[in-house]
N, C-alpha and C. Protein backbone atom coordinates (compact mmCIF):
# COMPACT_ATOMS: atom_id res chain seq x y z
N MET A 1 0.85 -1.18 0.00
CA MET A 1 0.00 0.00 0.00
C MET A 1 0.89 1.24 0.00
N THR A 2 0.83 2.00 -1.05
CA THR A 2 1.60 3.23 -1.11
C THR A 2 0.69 4.42 -0.81
N LEU A 3 1.24 5.38 -0.12
CA LEU A 3 0.49 6.57 0.22
C LEU A 3 1.11 7.76 -0.49
N SER A 4 0.29 8.51 -1.14
CA SER A 4 0.73 9.73 -1.78
C SER A 4 -0.11 10.87 -1.25
N ILE A 5 0.53 11.96 -0.86
CA ILE A 5 -0.25 13.08 -0.33
C ILE A 5 -1.01 13.80 -1.45
N TRP A 6 -0.62 13.58 -2.70
CA TRP A 6 -1.27 14.27 -3.81
C TRP A 6 -2.48 13.54 -4.35
N GLU A 7 -2.50 12.22 -4.20
CA GLU A 7 -3.59 11.41 -4.76
C GLU A 7 -4.98 11.83 -4.24
N PRO A 8 -5.15 12.04 -2.93
CA PRO A 8 -6.48 12.46 -2.46
C PRO A 8 -6.88 13.85 -2.97
N LEU A 9 -5.90 14.72 -3.12
CA LEU A 9 -6.20 16.07 -3.61
C LEU A 9 -6.65 16.05 -5.06
N GLN A 10 -6.29 15.01 -5.78
CA GLN A 10 -6.71 14.87 -7.17
C GLN A 10 -8.00 14.07 -7.29
N GLY A 11 -8.55 13.63 -6.14
CA GLY A 11 -9.81 12.91 -6.14
C GLY A 11 -9.72 11.47 -6.59
N ARG A 12 -8.55 10.86 -6.49
CA ARG A 12 -8.35 9.49 -6.99
C ARG A 12 -8.27 8.43 -5.90
N THR A 13 -8.55 8.80 -4.66
CA THR A 13 -8.42 7.88 -3.54
C THR A 13 -9.80 7.41 -3.10
N PRO A 14 -9.94 6.13 -2.75
CA PRO A 14 -11.23 5.67 -2.22
C PRO A 14 -11.59 6.43 -0.95
N LEU A 15 -12.87 6.70 -0.77
CA LEU A 15 -13.32 7.48 0.38
C LEU A 15 -12.91 6.84 1.70
N TRP A 16 -13.01 5.52 1.81
CA TRP A 16 -12.65 4.87 3.07
C TRP A 16 -11.20 5.16 3.44
N LYS A 17 -10.33 5.22 2.45
CA LYS A 17 -8.91 5.47 2.70
C LYS A 17 -8.68 6.91 3.16
N VAL A 18 -9.40 7.83 2.55
CA VAL A 18 -9.28 9.24 2.95
C VAL A 18 -9.73 9.40 4.40
N VAL A 19 -10.84 8.75 4.75
CA VAL A 19 -11.38 8.88 6.11
C VAL A 19 -10.44 8.24 7.12
N TRP A 20 -10.06 6.98 6.91
CA TRP A 20 -9.33 6.24 7.93
C TRP A 20 -7.82 6.52 7.93
N VAL A 21 -7.20 6.62 6.77
CA VAL A 21 -5.74 6.81 6.74
C VAL A 21 -5.38 8.29 6.81
N TYR A 22 -5.89 9.06 5.85
CA TYR A 22 -5.52 10.48 5.78
C TYR A 22 -6.26 11.31 6.82
N GLY A 23 -7.36 10.81 7.33
CA GLY A 23 -8.14 11.53 8.33
C GLY A 23 -7.83 11.05 9.73
N PHE A 24 -8.35 9.87 10.08
CA PHE A 24 -8.24 9.38 11.45
C PHE A 24 -6.79 9.13 11.88
N ALA A 25 -6.03 8.39 11.10
CA ALA A 25 -4.66 8.03 11.50
C ALA A 25 -3.76 9.27 11.62
N VAL A 26 -3.87 10.18 10.66
CA VAL A 26 -3.06 11.40 10.72
C VAL A 26 -3.46 12.25 11.92
N SER A 27 -4.76 12.38 12.18
CA SER A 27 -5.22 13.17 13.32
C SER A 27 -4.78 12.54 14.64
N LEU A 28 -4.82 11.23 14.72
CA LEU A 28 -4.37 10.54 15.93
C LEU A 28 -2.88 10.77 16.16
N ALA A 29 -2.08 10.64 15.11
CA ALA A 29 -0.63 10.88 15.24
C ALA A 29 -0.36 12.33 15.63
N TYR A 30 -1.09 13.26 15.05
CA TYR A 30 -0.91 14.68 15.37
C TYR A 30 -1.27 14.96 16.83
N THR A 31 -2.32 14.32 17.32
CA THR A 31 -2.72 14.48 18.72
C THR A 31 -1.67 13.92 19.66
N VAL A 32 -1.11 12.77 19.33
CA VAL A 32 -0.06 12.18 20.17
C VAL A 32 1.16 13.10 20.22
N ILE A 33 1.52 13.67 19.09
CA ILE A 33 2.63 14.63 19.06
C ILE A 33 2.31 15.83 19.95
N GLY A 34 1.07 16.31 19.86
CA GLY A 34 0.66 17.45 20.67
C GLY A 34 0.72 17.18 22.16
N MET A 35 0.51 15.93 22.55
CA MET A 35 0.57 15.58 23.97
C MET A 35 1.99 15.67 24.52
N MET A 36 2.97 15.65 23.63
CA MET A 36 4.38 15.72 24.05
C MET A 36 4.91 17.15 24.03
N LEU A 37 4.12 18.09 23.53
CA LEU A 37 4.58 19.46 23.41
C LEU A 37 4.16 20.30 24.61
N PRO A 38 4.95 21.32 24.94
CA PRO A 38 4.55 22.23 26.03
C PRO A 38 3.53 23.26 25.52
N LEU A 39 2.27 22.84 25.45
CA LEU A 39 1.25 23.71 24.87
C LEU A 39 0.85 24.87 25.77
N ASP A 40 1.41 24.93 26.99
CA ASP A 40 1.17 26.10 27.83
C ASP A 40 1.97 27.30 27.35
N ASN A 41 2.96 27.06 26.49
CA ASN A 41 3.73 28.12 25.85
C ASN A 41 2.90 28.67 24.68
N ALA A 42 2.65 29.97 24.67
CA ALA A 42 1.77 30.58 23.66
C ALA A 42 2.30 30.37 22.24
N GLY A 43 3.59 30.51 22.04
CA GLY A 43 4.15 30.32 20.70
C GLY A 43 3.99 28.90 20.20
N VAL A 44 4.23 27.94 21.09
CA VAL A 44 4.09 26.53 20.73
C VAL A 44 2.63 26.21 20.43
N SER A 45 1.73 26.71 21.26
CA SER A 45 0.31 26.40 21.06
C SER A 45 -0.22 27.03 19.77
N TRP A 46 0.21 28.24 19.45
CA TRP A 46 -0.22 28.87 18.19
C TRP A 46 0.35 28.12 16.99
N THR A 47 1.61 27.72 17.07
CA THR A 47 2.22 26.96 15.98
C THR A 47 1.51 25.63 15.80
N TYR A 48 1.23 24.95 16.91
CA TYR A 48 0.52 23.68 16.87
C TYR A 48 -0.86 23.86 16.25
N MET A 49 -1.55 24.93 16.62
CA MET A 49 -2.88 25.20 16.09
C MET A 49 -2.83 25.51 14.59
N LEU A 50 -1.85 26.27 14.16
CA LEU A 50 -1.75 26.61 12.73
C LEU A 50 -1.41 25.38 11.89
N ILE A 51 -0.52 24.53 12.38
CA ILE A 51 -0.21 23.29 11.66
C ILE A 51 -1.46 22.40 11.62
N GLY A 52 -2.18 22.34 12.73
CA GLY A 52 -3.43 21.58 12.77
C GLY A 52 -4.46 22.11 11.79
N LEU A 53 -4.50 23.42 11.64
CA LEU A 53 -5.42 24.03 10.68
C LEU A 53 -5.05 23.63 9.25
N LEU A 54 -3.77 23.62 8.94
CA LEU A 54 -3.33 23.20 7.61
C LEU A 54 -3.65 21.73 7.35
N ILE A 55 -3.44 20.89 8.36
CA ILE A 55 -3.79 19.47 8.22
C ILE A 55 -5.30 19.32 8.01
N THR A 56 -6.07 20.06 8.77
CA THR A 56 -7.53 20.00 8.64
C THR A 56 -7.99 20.44 7.27
N LEU A 57 -7.42 21.52 6.76
CA LEU A 57 -7.79 21.99 5.42
C LEU A 57 -7.44 20.96 4.36
N TYR A 58 -6.28 20.33 4.50
CA TYR A 58 -5.90 19.25 3.57
C TYR A 58 -6.93 18.14 3.63
N GLN A 59 -7.29 17.73 4.85
CA GLN A 59 -8.26 16.64 5.01
C GLN A 59 -9.61 17.00 4.42
N LEU A 60 -10.05 18.24 4.62
CA LEU A 60 -11.35 18.65 4.09
C LEU A 60 -11.35 18.70 2.56
N ILE A 61 -10.26 19.19 1.99
CA ILE A 61 -10.16 19.21 0.52
C ILE A 61 -10.16 17.78 -0.02
N ALA A 62 -9.40 16.90 0.63
CA ALA A 62 -9.35 15.50 0.20
C ALA A 62 -10.72 14.84 0.32
N LEU A 63 -11.42 15.10 1.42
CA LEU A 63 -12.76 14.54 1.59
C LEU A 63 -13.71 15.05 0.51
N TRP A 64 -13.65 16.34 0.23
CA TRP A 64 -14.52 16.92 -0.80
C TRP A 64 -14.26 16.29 -2.16
N ARG A 65 -12.97 16.21 -2.52
CA ARG A 65 -12.61 15.69 -3.84
C ARG A 65 -12.92 14.20 -3.99
N CYS A 66 -12.85 13.43 -2.89
CA CYS A 66 -13.04 11.98 -2.96
C CYS A 66 -14.40 11.53 -2.41
N ALA A 67 -15.29 12.46 -2.15
CA ALA A 67 -16.56 12.14 -1.49
C ALA A 67 -17.36 11.08 -2.23
N PHE A 68 -17.34 11.10 -3.54
CA PHE A 68 -18.16 10.15 -4.30
C PHE A 68 -17.37 8.92 -4.76
N ASN A 69 -16.20 8.70 -4.16
CA ASN A 69 -15.41 7.51 -4.46
C ASN A 69 -15.80 6.37 -3.52
N SER A 70 -17.09 6.13 -3.43
CA SER A 70 -17.60 5.02 -2.63
C SER A 70 -18.77 4.39 -3.38
N ARG A 71 -19.24 3.28 -2.88
CA ARG A 71 -20.34 2.60 -3.56
C ARG A 71 -21.66 3.34 -3.43
N SER A 72 -21.80 4.14 -2.39
CA SER A 72 -23.06 4.81 -2.13
C SER A 72 -22.97 6.30 -2.44
N HIS A 73 -23.88 6.76 -3.26
CA HIS A 73 -23.97 8.19 -3.56
C HIS A 73 -24.33 8.98 -2.30
N ALA A 74 -25.13 8.35 -1.43
CA ALA A 74 -25.55 9.02 -0.19
C ALA A 74 -24.35 9.37 0.69
N TRP A 75 -23.33 8.48 0.72
CA TRP A 75 -22.13 8.79 1.50
C TRP A 75 -21.44 10.04 0.96
N GLY A 76 -21.40 10.17 -0.34
CA GLY A 76 -20.79 11.35 -0.94
C GLY A 76 -21.50 12.63 -0.55
N VAL A 77 -22.82 12.59 -0.58
CA VAL A 77 -23.60 13.76 -0.19
C VAL A 77 -23.36 14.08 1.29
N LEU A 78 -23.40 13.05 2.14
CA LEU A 78 -23.18 13.25 3.57
C LEU A 78 -21.80 13.81 3.86
N VAL A 79 -20.79 13.31 3.19
CA VAL A 79 -19.43 13.79 3.40
C VAL A 79 -19.31 15.25 2.97
N ARG A 80 -19.90 15.60 1.85
CA ARG A 80 -19.82 16.99 1.40
C ARG A 80 -20.56 17.94 2.34
N ILE A 81 -21.68 17.50 2.91
CA ILE A 81 -22.38 18.33 3.90
C ILE A 81 -21.50 18.52 5.13
N ALA A 82 -20.83 17.46 5.57
CA ALA A 82 -19.94 17.54 6.72
C ALA A 82 -18.76 18.48 6.45
N VAL A 83 -18.24 18.46 5.24
CA VAL A 83 -17.13 19.35 4.88
C VAL A 83 -17.57 20.81 4.95
N VAL A 84 -18.73 21.11 4.41
CA VAL A 84 -19.24 22.48 4.45
C VAL A 84 -19.47 22.93 5.89
N ALA A 85 -20.07 22.06 6.71
CA ALA A 85 -20.29 22.39 8.12
C ALA A 85 -18.97 22.64 8.83
N SER A 86 -17.98 21.83 8.55
CA SER A 86 -16.66 22.01 9.17
C SER A 86 -16.03 23.34 8.76
N LEU A 87 -16.12 23.67 7.49
CA LEU A 87 -15.56 24.93 7.02
C LEU A 87 -16.25 26.13 7.67
N LEU A 88 -17.53 26.01 7.94
CA LEU A 88 -18.25 27.09 8.61
C LEU A 88 -17.85 27.21 10.08
N LEU A 89 -17.45 26.10 10.70
CA LEU A 89 -17.10 26.12 12.12
C LEU A 89 -15.64 26.46 12.39
N ILE A 90 -14.78 26.36 11.39
CA ILE A 90 -13.36 26.68 11.60
C ILE A 90 -13.16 28.10 12.11
N PRO A 91 -13.79 29.12 11.51
CA PRO A 91 -13.60 30.48 12.05
C PRO A 91 -14.06 30.62 13.50
N VAL A 92 -15.09 29.89 13.89
CA VAL A 92 -15.56 29.92 15.28
C VAL A 92 -14.47 29.37 16.20
N GLY A 93 -13.87 28.25 15.81
CA GLY A 93 -12.80 27.67 16.60
C GLY A 93 -11.59 28.59 16.72
N ILE A 94 -11.23 29.23 15.64
CA ILE A 94 -10.09 30.16 15.67
C ILE A 94 -10.41 31.35 16.57
N TYR A 95 -11.61 31.87 16.46
CA TYR A 95 -12.02 33.00 17.32
C TYR A 95 -11.96 32.61 18.79
N LEU A 96 -12.51 31.45 19.14
CA LEU A 96 -12.49 31.02 20.54
C LEU A 96 -11.07 30.77 21.02
N PHE A 97 -10.21 30.20 20.17
CA PHE A 97 -8.82 29.97 20.56
C PHE A 97 -8.10 31.29 20.80
N ALA A 98 -8.40 32.29 19.99
CA ALA A 98 -7.72 33.58 20.10
C ALA A 98 -8.24 34.40 21.29
N THR A 99 -9.53 34.32 21.57
CA THR A 99 -10.11 35.17 22.60
C THR A 99 -10.25 34.49 23.96
N GLN A 100 -10.38 33.16 23.96
CA GLN A 100 -10.57 32.44 25.22
C GLN A 100 -9.74 31.15 25.22
N PRO A 101 -8.42 31.27 25.23
CA PRO A 101 -7.57 30.07 25.12
C PRO A 101 -7.74 29.10 26.28
N THR A 102 -8.26 29.55 27.41
CA THR A 102 -8.44 28.63 28.54
C THR A 102 -9.52 27.59 28.25
N LEU A 103 -10.37 27.83 27.28
CA LEU A 103 -11.37 26.83 26.90
C LEU A 103 -10.71 25.56 26.38
N PHE A 104 -9.49 25.67 25.88
CA PHE A 104 -8.80 24.54 25.27
C PHE A 104 -7.85 23.83 26.23
N ASP A 105 -7.82 24.28 27.48
CA ASP A 105 -7.00 23.60 28.48
C ASP A 105 -7.65 22.30 28.89
N LEU A 106 -6.85 21.27 28.97
CA LEU A 106 -7.38 19.97 29.39
C LEU A 106 -6.99 19.65 30.80
């Protein structure tokens, strides 16, 4: 199994692979890395958040482009609705992170 970061952006990857490999596995690895970082440092937390935003945008573009690469047309529609909802919520998350960073303390 070869992984190419460009294949999902071109819409040539099966939807299941985009969700589980490029979505879930990458997000899990990114979260584990974040657990090792000193996120109480403002510079580190902003850098971590910006990298996370870039990863999220990549994942959303890949999901949009590959949404109909499944057996069910309904999954494609559902995935595209989820992508739009996510894009609408990203500015809310950035605003809350910028104005109330204590909300993100665990």
